[in-house]
Amino acid sequence: MAVLKVIEVLANSDKSWEDATKKAVGHTSKSVKNIRSVYVNEQSASVDDGKISEFRVNVKITFEIK
């Protein structure tokens, strides 16, 4: 039986929500090992002068505890 833990991570990108998600996983993987999945819980964006200036994601990252 595996023991899994879920943490919530916020990340942003000036490119896309996908890029923000990749940044969340990449940064988290530097200190958390055995990541199994990522769930995008929420997406939002900042708007400046009628254009999206920043994409934001709130993700849940699941990893196995050894």
PDB file of N, CA and C in Angstrom:
ATOM      1  N   MET A   1       0.839  -1.177   0.000  1.00  0.00           N
ATOM      2  CA  MET A   1       0.000   0.000   0.000  1.00  0.00           C
ATOM      3  C   MET A   1       0.888   1.247   0.000  1.00  0.00           C
ATOM      4  N   ALA A   2       0.549   2.221  -0.826  1.00  0.00           N
ATOM      5  CA  ALA A   2       1.304   3.470  -0.908  1.00  0.00           C
ATOM      6  C   ALA A   2       0.632   4.537  -0.045  1.00  0.00           C
ATOM      7  N   VAL A   3       1.456   5.369   0.546  1.00  0.00           N
ATOM      8  CA  VAL A   3       0.963   6.520   1.292  1.00  0.00           C
ATOM      9  C   VAL A   3       1.235   7.757   0.446  1.00  0.00           C
ATOM     10  N   LEU A   4       0.173   8.510   0.139  1.00  0.00           N
ATOM     11  CA  LEU A   4       0.289   9.683  -0.704  1.00  0.00           C
ATOM     12  C   LEU A   4      -0.034  10.942   0.088  1.00  0.00           C
ATOM     13  N   LYS A   5       0.603  12.031  -0.283  1.00  0.00           N
ATOM     14  CA  LYS A   5       0.354  13.318   0.346  1.00  0.00           C
ATOM     15  C   LYS A   5       0.038  14.322  -0.753  1.00  0.00           C
ATOM     16  N   VAL A   6      -0.840  15.272  -0.439  1.00  0.00           N
ATOM     17  CA  VAL A   6      -1.223  16.306  -1.399  1.00  0.00           C
ATOM     18  C   VAL A   6      -0.861  17.668  -0.823  1.00  0.00           C
ATOM     19  N   ILE A   7      -0.181  18.483  -1.642  1.00  0.00           N
ATOM     20  CA  ILE A   7       0.119  19.861  -1.240  1.00  0.00           C
ATOM     21  C   ILE A   7      -0.481  20.805  -2.277  1.00  0.00           C
ATOM     22  N   GLU A   8      -0.752  22.004  -1.854  1.00  0.00           N
ATOM     23  CA  GLU A   8      -1.310  23.016  -2.750  1.00  0.00           C
ATOM     24  C   GLU A   8      -0.214  24.026  -3.086  1.00  0.00           C
ATOM     25  N   VAL A   9      -0.074  24.339  -4.371  1.00  0.00           N
ATOM     26  CA  VAL A   9       0.986  25.225  -4.841  1.00  0.00           C
ATOM     27  C   VAL A   9       0.373  26.278  -5.765  1.00  0.00           C
ATOM     28  N   LEU A  10       0.822  27.510  -5.618  1.00  0.00           N
ATOM     29  CA  LEU A  10       0.409  28.602  -6.494  1.00  0.00           C
ATOM     30  C   LEU A  10       1.584  28.953  -7.399  1.00  0.00           C
ATOM     31  N   ALA A  11       1.300  29.185  -8.684  1.00  0.00           N
ATOM     32  CA  ALA A  11       2.365  29.549  -9.625  1.00  0.00           C
ATOM     33  C   ALA A  11       1.819  30.511 -10.663  1.00  0.00           C
ATOM     34  N   ASN A  12       2.729  31.225 -11.325  1.00  0.00           N
ATOM     35  CA  ASN A  12       2.310  32.162 -12.362  1.00  0.00           C
ATOM     36  C   ASN A  12       3.265  32.127 -13.550  1.00  0.00           C
ATOM     37  N   SER A  13       2.784  32.668 -14.669  1.00  0.00           N
ATOM     38  CA  SER A  13       3.576  32.722 -15.896  1.00  0.00           C
ATOM     39  C   SER A  13       3.062  33.878 -16.744  1.00  0.00           C
ATOM     40  N   ASP A  14       3.935  34.462 -17.522  1.00  0.00           N
ATOM     41  CA  ASP A  14       3.484  35.488 -18.459  1.00  0.00           C
ATOM     42  C   ASP A  14       3.132  34.884 -19.820  1.00  0.00           C
ATOM     43  N   LYS A  15       3.271  33.543 -19.957  1.00  0.00           N
ATOM     44  CA  LYS A  15       3.006  32.866 -21.228  1.00  0.00           C
ATOM     45  C   LYS A  15       1.640  32.196 -21.290  1.00  0.00           C
ATOM     46  N   SER A  16       1.358  31.274 -20.314  1.00  0.00           N
ATOM     47  CA  SER A  16       0.114  30.499 -20.373  1.00  0.00           C
ATOM     48  C   SER A  16      -0.148  29.785 -19.048  1.00  0.00           C
ATOM     49  N   TRP A  17      -1.365  29.257 -18.922  1.00  0.00           N
ATOM     50  CA  TRP A  17      -1.686  28.457 -17.744  1.00  0.00           C
ATOM     51  C   TRP A  17      -0.875  27.159 -17.752  1.00  0.00           C
ATOM     52  N   GLU A  18      -0.668  26.611 -18.937  1.00  0.00           N
ATOM     53  CA  GLU A  18       0.138  25.392 -19.052  1.00  0.00           C
ATOM     54  C   GLU A  18       1.563  25.639 -18.562  1.00  0.00           C
ATOM     55  N   ASP A  19       2.139  26.761 -18.946  1.00  0.00           N
ATOM     56  CA  ASP A  19       3.488  27.097 -18.511  1.00  0.00           C
ATOM     57  C   ASP A  19       3.533  27.314 -16.998  1.00  0.00           C
ATOM     58  N   ALA A  20       2.506  27.946 -16.444  1.00  0.00           N
ATOM     59  CA  ALA A  20       2.442  28.143 -14.990  1.00  0.00           C
ATOM     60  C   ALA A  20       2.379  26.795 -14.275  1.00  0.00           C
ATOM     61  N   THR A  21       1.629  25.850 -14.827  1.00  0.00           N
ATOM     62  CA  THR A  21       1.535  24.512 -14.233  1.00  0.00           C
ATOM     63  C   THR A  21       2.882  23.805 -14.295  1.00  0.00           C
ATOM     64  N   LYS A  22       3.558  23.900 -15.419  1.00  0.00           N
ATOM     65  CA  LYS A  22       4.889  23.292 -15.547  1.00  0.00           C
ATOM     66  C   LYS A  22       5.869  23.905 -14.558  1.00  0.00           C
ATOM     67  N   LYS A  23       5.785  25.212 -14.350  1.00  0.00           N
ATOM     68  CA  LYS A  23       6.655  25.869 -13.381  1.00  0.00           C
ATOM     69  C   LYS A  23       6.362  25.385 -11.964  1.00  0.00           C
ATOM     70  N   ALA A  24       5.087  25.192 -11.642  1.00  0.00           N
ATOM     71  CA  ALA A  24       4.708  24.704 -10.307  1.00  0.00           C
ATOM     72  C   ALA A  24       5.309  23.328 -10.051  1.00  0.00           C
ATOM     73  N   VAL A  25       5.185  22.430 -11.016  1.00  0.00           N
ATOM     74  CA  VAL A  25       5.725  21.082 -10.861  1.00  0.00           C
ATOM     75  C   VAL A  25       7.252  21.109 -10.846  1.00  0.00           C
ATOM     76  N   GLY A  26       7.844  21.891 -11.735  1.00  0.00           N
ATOM     77  CA  GLY A  26       9.310  21.966 -11.803  1.00  0.00           C
ATOM     78  C   GLY A  26       9.923  22.502 -10.521  1.00  0.00           C
ATOM     79  N   HIS A  27       9.349  23.553  -9.992  1.00  0.00           N
ATOM     80  CA  HIS A  27       9.887  24.144  -8.764  1.00  0.00           C
ATOM     81  C   HIS A  27       9.670  23.209  -7.571  1.00  0.00           C
ATOM     82  N   THR A  28       8.487  22.593  -7.503  1.00  0.00           N
ATOM     83  CA  THR A  28       8.188  21.679  -6.404  1.00  0.00           C
ATOM     84  C   THR A  28       9.083  20.453  -6.442  1.00  0.00           C
ATOM     85  N   SER A  29       9.399  19.955  -7.633  1.00  0.00           N
ATOM     86  CA  SER A  29      10.210  18.740  -7.756  1.00  0.00           C
ATOM     87  C   SER A  29      11.645  18.937  -7.268  1.00  0.00           C
ATOM     88  N   LYS A  30      12.070  20.185  -7.062  1.00  0.00           N
ATOM     89  CA  LYS A  30      13.403  20.436  -6.509  1.00  0.00           C
ATOM     90  C   LYS A  30      13.496  20.029  -5.043  1.00  0.00           C
ATOM     91  N   SER A  31      12.366  20.059  -4.345  1.00  0.00           N
ATOM     92  CA  SER A  31      12.385  19.708  -2.914  1.00  0.00           C
ATOM     93  C   SER A  31      11.481  18.535  -2.556  1.00  0.00           C
ATOM     94  N   VAL A  32      10.595  18.146  -3.454  1.00  0.00           N
ATOM     95  CA  VAL A  32       9.671  17.036  -3.196  1.00  0.00           C
ATOM     96  C   VAL A  32       9.930  15.945  -4.233  1.00  0.00           C
ATOM     97  N   LYS A  33      10.166  14.741  -3.759  1.00  0.00           N
ATOM     98  CA  LYS A  33      10.425  13.620  -4.664  1.00  0.00           C
ATOM     99  C   LYS A  33       9.167  12.761  -4.819  1.00  0.00           C
ATOM    100  N   ASN A  34       9.164  11.901  -5.800  1.00  0.00           N
ATOM    101  CA  ASN A  34       8.095  10.926  -6.051  1.00  0.00           C
ATOM    102  C   ASN A  34       6.756  11.578  -6.374  1.00  0.00           C
ATOM    103  N   ILE A  35       6.779  12.684  -7.146  1.00  0.00           N
ATOM    104  CA  ILE A  35       5.524  13.319  -7.566  1.00  0.00           C
ATOM    105  C   ILE A  35       4.796  12.378  -8.508  1.00  0.00           C
ATOM    106  N   ARG A  36       3.521  12.174  -8.233  1.00  0.00           N
ATOM    107  CA  ARG A  36       2.707  11.241  -9.023  1.00  0.00           C
ATOM    108  C   ARG A  36       1.739  11.956  -9.959  1.00  0.00           C
ATOM    109  N   SER A  37       1.186  13.095  -9.528  1.00  0.00           N
ATOM    110  CA  SER A  37       0.207  13.779 -10.371  1.00  0.00           C
ATOM    111  C   SER A  37       0.068  15.236  -9.967  1.00  0.00           C
ATOM    112  N   VAL A  38      -0.538  15.998 -10.883  1.00  0.00           N
ATOM    113  CA  VAL A  38      -0.861  17.397 -10.609  1.00  0.00           C
ATOM    114  C   VAL A  38      -2.306  17.625 -11.056  1.00  0.00           C
ATOM    115  N   TYR A  39      -3.057  18.312 -10.235  1.00  0.00           N
ATOM    116  CA  TYR A  39      -4.454  18.624 -10.521  1.00  0.00           C
ATOM    117  C   TYR A  39      -4.597  20.150 -10.528  1.00  0.00           C
ATOM    118  N   VAL A  40      -5.034  20.705 -11.637  1.00  0.00           N
ATOM    119  CA  VAL A  40      -5.230  22.148 -11.721  1.00  0.00           C
ATOM    120  C   VAL A  40      -6.571  22.460 -11.058  1.00  0.00           C
ATOM    121  N   ASN A  41      -6.476  23.075  -9.895  1.00  0.00           N
ATOM    122  CA  ASN A  41      -7.657  23.359  -9.082  1.00  0.00           C
ATOM    123  C   ASN A  41      -8.349  24.646  -9.526  1.00  0.00           C
ATOM    124  N   GLU A  42      -7.559  25.638  -9.906  1.00  0.00           N
ATOM    125  CA  GLU A  42      -8.126  26.939 -10.260  1.00  0.00           C
ATOM    126  C   GLU A  42      -7.192  27.683 -11.202  1.00  0.00           C
ATOM    127  N   GLN A  43      -7.767  28.443 -12.124  1.00  0.00           N
ATOM    128  CA  GLN A  43      -7.000  29.274 -13.042  1.00  0.00           C
ATOM    129  C   GLN A  43      -7.515  30.704 -12.948  1.00  0.00           C
ATOM    130  N   SER A  44      -6.602  31.656 -13.040  1.00  0.00           N
ATOM    131  CA  SER A  44      -6.992  33.061 -13.081  1.00  0.00           C
ATOM    132  C   SER A  44      -5.941  33.823 -13.870  1.00  0.00           C
ATOM    133  N   ALA A  45      -6.235  35.094 -14.141  1.00  0.00           N
ATOM    134  CA  ALA A  45      -5.289  35.898 -14.910  1.00  0.00           C
ATOM    135  C   ALA A  45      -5.383  37.360 -14.468  1.00  0.00           C
ATOM    136  N   SER A  46      -4.275  38.065 -14.598  1.00  0.00           N
ATOM    137  CA  SER A  46      -4.235  39.513 -14.373  1.00  0.00           C
ATOM    138  C   SER A  46      -4.365  40.203 -15.724  1.00  0.00           C
ATOM    139  N   VAL A  47      -5.068  41.318 -15.741  1.00  0.00           N
ATOM    140  CA  VAL A  47      -5.274  42.050 -16.986  1.00  0.00           C
ATOM    141  C   VAL A  47      -4.756  43.482 -16.829  1.00  0.00           C
ATOM    142  N   ASP A  48      -3.964  43.929 -17.792  1.00  0.00           N
ATOM    143  CA  ASP A  48      -3.469  45.299 -17.849  1.00  0.00           C
ATOM    144  C   ASP A  48      -3.759  45.867 -19.234  1.00  0.00           C
ATOM    145  N   ASP A  49      -4.383  47.011 -19.282  1.00  0.00           N
ATOM    146  CA  ASP A  49      -4.718  47.675 -20.553  1.00  0.00           C
ATOM    147  C   ASP A  49      -5.478  46.763 -21.509  1.00  0.00           C
ATOM    148  N   GLY A  50      -6.399  45.975 -20.973  1.00  0.00           N
ATOM    149  CA  GLY A  50      -7.234  45.111 -21.807  1.00  0.00           C
ATOM    150  C   GLY A  50      -6.560  43.856 -22.317  1.00  0.00           C
ATOM    151  N   LYS A  51      -5.353  43.566 -21.812  1.00  0.00           N
ATOM    152  CA  LYS A  51      -4.631  42.365 -22.245  1.00  0.00           C
ATOM    153  C   LYS A  51      -4.187  41.570 -21.029  1.00  0.00           C
ATOM    154  N   ILE A  52      -4.157  40.246 -21.192  1.00  0.00           N
ATOM    155  CA  ILE A  52      -3.697  39.385 -20.098  1.00  0.00           C
ATOM    156  C   ILE A  52      -2.196  39.594 -19.908  1.00  0.00           C
ATOM    157  N   SER A  53      -1.822  39.917 -18.682  1.00  0.00           N
ATOM    158  CA  SER A  53      -0.407  40.156 -18.391  1.00  0.00           C
ATOM    159  C   SER A  53       0.221  39.020 -17.597  1.00  0.00           C
ATOM    160  N   GLU A  54      -0.607  38.215 -16.928  1.00  0.00           N
ATOM    161  CA  GLU A  54      -0.070  37.119 -16.116  1.00  0.00           C
ATOM    162  C   GLU A  54      -1.126  36.034 -15.945  1.00  0.00           C
ATOM    163  N   PHE A  55      -0.713  34.788 -16.155  1.00  0.00           N
ATOM    164  CA  PHE A  55      -1.570  33.630 -15.949  1.00  0.00           C
ATOM    165  C   PHE A  55      -1.230  33.019 -14.597  1.00  0.00           C
ATOM    166  N   ARG A  56      -2.244  32.647 -13.827  1.00  0.00           N
ATOM    167  CA  ARG A  56      -2.018  32.079 -12.497  1.00  0.00           C
ATOM    168  C   ARG A  56      -2.754  30.752 -12.367  1.00  0.00           C
ATOM    169  N   VAL A  57      -2.123  29.825 -11.672  1.00  0.00           N
ATOM    170  CA  VAL A  57      -2.772  28.545 -11.378  1.00  0.00           C
ATOM    171  C   VAL A  57      -2.628  28.205  -9.898  1.00  0.00           C
ATOM    172  N   ASN A  58      -3.618  27.531  -9.405  1.00  0.00           N
ATOM    173  CA  ASN A  58      -3.601  26.953  -8.069  1.00  0.00           C
ATOM    174  C   ASN A  58      -3.695  25.448  -8.322  1.00  0.00           C
ATOM    175  N   VAL A  59      -2.630  24.710  -8.010  1.00  0.00           N
ATOM    176  CA  VAL A  59      -2.591  23.274  -8.312  1.00  0.00           C
ATOM    177  C   VAL A  59      -2.436  22.445  -7.050  1.00  0.00           C
ATOM    178  N   LYS A  60      -2.897  21.223  -7.125  1.00  0.00           N
ATOM    179  CA  LYS A  60      -2.677  20.252  -6.069  1.00  0.00           C
ATOM    180  C   LYS A  60      -1.699  19.207  -6.616  1.00  0.00           C
ATOM    181  N   ILE A  61      -0.601  19.038  -5.918  1.00  0.00           N
ATOM    182  CA  ILE A  61       0.435  18.087  -6.346  1.00  0.00           C
ATOM    183  C   ILE A  61       0.436  16.911  -5.385  1.00  0.00           C
ATOM    184  N   THR A  62       0.319  15.715  -5.954  1.00  0.00           N
ATOM    185  CA  THR A  62       0.292  14.487  -5.165  1.00  0.00           C
ATOM    186  C   THR A  62       1.627  13.776  -5.293  1.00  0.00           C
ATOM    187  N   PHE A  63       2.166  13.351  -4.139  1.00  0.00           N
ATOM    188  CA  PHE A  63       3.429  12.618  -4.168  1.00  0.00           C
ATOM    189  C   PHE A  63       3.388  11.473  -3.158  1.00  0.00           C
ATOM    190  N   GLU A  64       4.217  10.476  -3.427  1.00  0.00           N
ATOM    191  CA  GLU A  64       4.258   9.283  -2.565  1.00  0.00           C
ATOM    192  C   GLU A  64       5.285   9.481  -1.470  1.00  0.00           C
ATOM    193  N   ILE A  65       4.914   9.083  -0.268  1.00  0.00           N
ATOM    194  CA  ILE A  65       5.812   9.133   0.877  1.00  0.00           C
ATOM    195  C   ILE A  65       6.432   7.729   0.997  1.00  0.00           C
ATOM    196  N   LYS A  66       7.734   7.688   0.980  1.00  0.00           N
ATOM    197  CA  LYS A  66       8.435   6.380   1.084  1.00  0.00           C
ATOM    198  C   LYS A  66       8.779   6.068   2.514  1.00  0.00           C
TER     199      LYS A  66
END
